[in-house]
Amino acid sequence: MSSSSSVSALLAFPVVERGFVVIVANAKPDEEVTIEIDTVQSNVAFASIRERRE
């Protein structure tokens, strides 16, 4: 199951919201991206970038 979200990401560093970590690989510092959640585990999710915003 995939889900899209809009988040600010820092490289492959985690974005923490409500105690859940979403790792977005290949994002640049302060870049706004739309992501798709690829894998979800009990306390972490891994996402791919679907769109980069200016």
Protein backbone atom coordinates (compact mmCIF):
# COMPACT_ATOMS: atom_id res chain seq x y z
CA MET A 1 0.00 0.00 0.00
CA SER A 2 1.37 3.42 -0.93
CA SER A 3 0.58 6.83 0.43
CA SER A 4 1.68 10.28 -0.73
CA SER A 5 2.62 13.04 1.68
CA SER A 6 4.23 16.44 1.43
CA VAL A 7 7.19 16.87 3.77
CA SER A 8 10.42 18.79 4.04
CA ALA A 9 13.33 16.37 3.96
CA LEU A 10 17.00 16.52 4.83
CA LEU A 11 19.09 14.16 2.69
CA ALA A 12 18.49 10.67 4.04
CA PHE A 13 18.02 11.94 7.57
CA PRO A 14 14.72 11.05 9.25
CA VAL A 15 11.71 13.32 9.41
CA VAL A 16 10.03 12.79 12.78
CA GLU A 17 6.33 13.42 13.32
CA ARG A 18 4.43 11.93 16.25
CA GLY A 19 7.28 9.56 17.06
CA PHE A 20 7.32 7.91 13.63
CA VAL A 21 10.39 8.17 11.39
CA VAL A 22 10.10 8.56 7.61
CA ILE A 23 13.40 8.19 5.74
CA VAL A 24 13.47 9.95 2.37
CA ALA A 25 16.63 9.09 0.42
CA ASN A 26 18.16 11.51 -2.09
CA ALA A 27 16.41 14.63 -0.79
CA LYS A 28 18.47 17.82 -0.38
CA PRO A 29 18.54 20.00 2.76
CA ASP A 30 15.48 22.30 2.98
CA GLU A 31 14.00 20.81 -0.20
CA GLU A 32 10.24 20.34 -0.35
CA VAL A 33 9.21 17.07 -1.93
CA THR A 34 6.14 14.94 -2.46
CA ILE A 35 6.88 11.39 -1.41
CA GLU A 36 5.43 7.94 -1.80
CA ILE A 37 5.74 5.59 1.17
CA ASP A 38 7.35 2.38 -0.10
CA THR A 39 7.84 0.32 3.06
CA VAL A 40 6.34 0.62 6.54
CA GLN A 41 7.63 -1.03 9.70
CA SER A 42 6.54 -0.60 13.32
CA ASN A 43 8.52 2.61 13.94
CA VAL A 44 9.96 3.62 10.57
CA ALA A 45 8.92 4.07 6.95
CA PHE A 46 10.99 4.39 3.78
CA ALA A 47 9.87 6.70 1.00
CA SER A 48 10.74 7.64 -2.58
CA ILE A 49 10.57 11.14 -4.03
CA ARG A 50 7.73 11.55 -6.55
CA GLU A 51 7.97 15.32 -7.11
CA ARG A 52 10.44 18.08 -6.25
CA ARG A 53 9.13 21.61 -5.63
CA GLU A 54 10.92 24.89 -6.29
